Amino acid sequence: MLKINRVHHIAIICSDYERSKHFYTQILGFKIVREVYRAERKSYKLDLDVNNVYQIELFSFPEPGQRPSRPEAAGLRHLAFEVDNIDEAVALITADGIFVEPIRIDEFTGKKFTFFADPDGLPIEFYEK
């Protein structure tokens, strides 16, 4: 049987590189590992560290195609980040002007969770530890 160790990275293509870079580094607080400009592709690639465990690769391309990103659309449903205290996490990002849905309770685990969107509308979830 195939043995998969862990998720290595999550790749996101953004429509406005500087706006998304600000969102993921300044609002969500991910640390930049490396940033490169690939002239032949007219594309930036930004590697972001997620708590020394995972990595997000943020890409820019000229005129990327649109994709449905509602939580119930076919394909990737959402990107979820675990937080220690959801009320504190929500307070921090709403202070930066990010709209966050009301906090809900997972009916199976009893844990708090909520959704918001990145600059391109990618659904992001905070799920309390």
Foldseek 3Di string as FASTA:
>chain_A
DDDDDDAAEAEDEDADVVQLVCCVCVQVNWDWPDWDQDVVQRKIWTWTDDVVPYIYIYMYGHPDDDDDADLPDPDDNAAEDEDADPVVSVVRNVVVVWDKDDWDADPVPRWIKTWTAGPNRHIYMYTYD
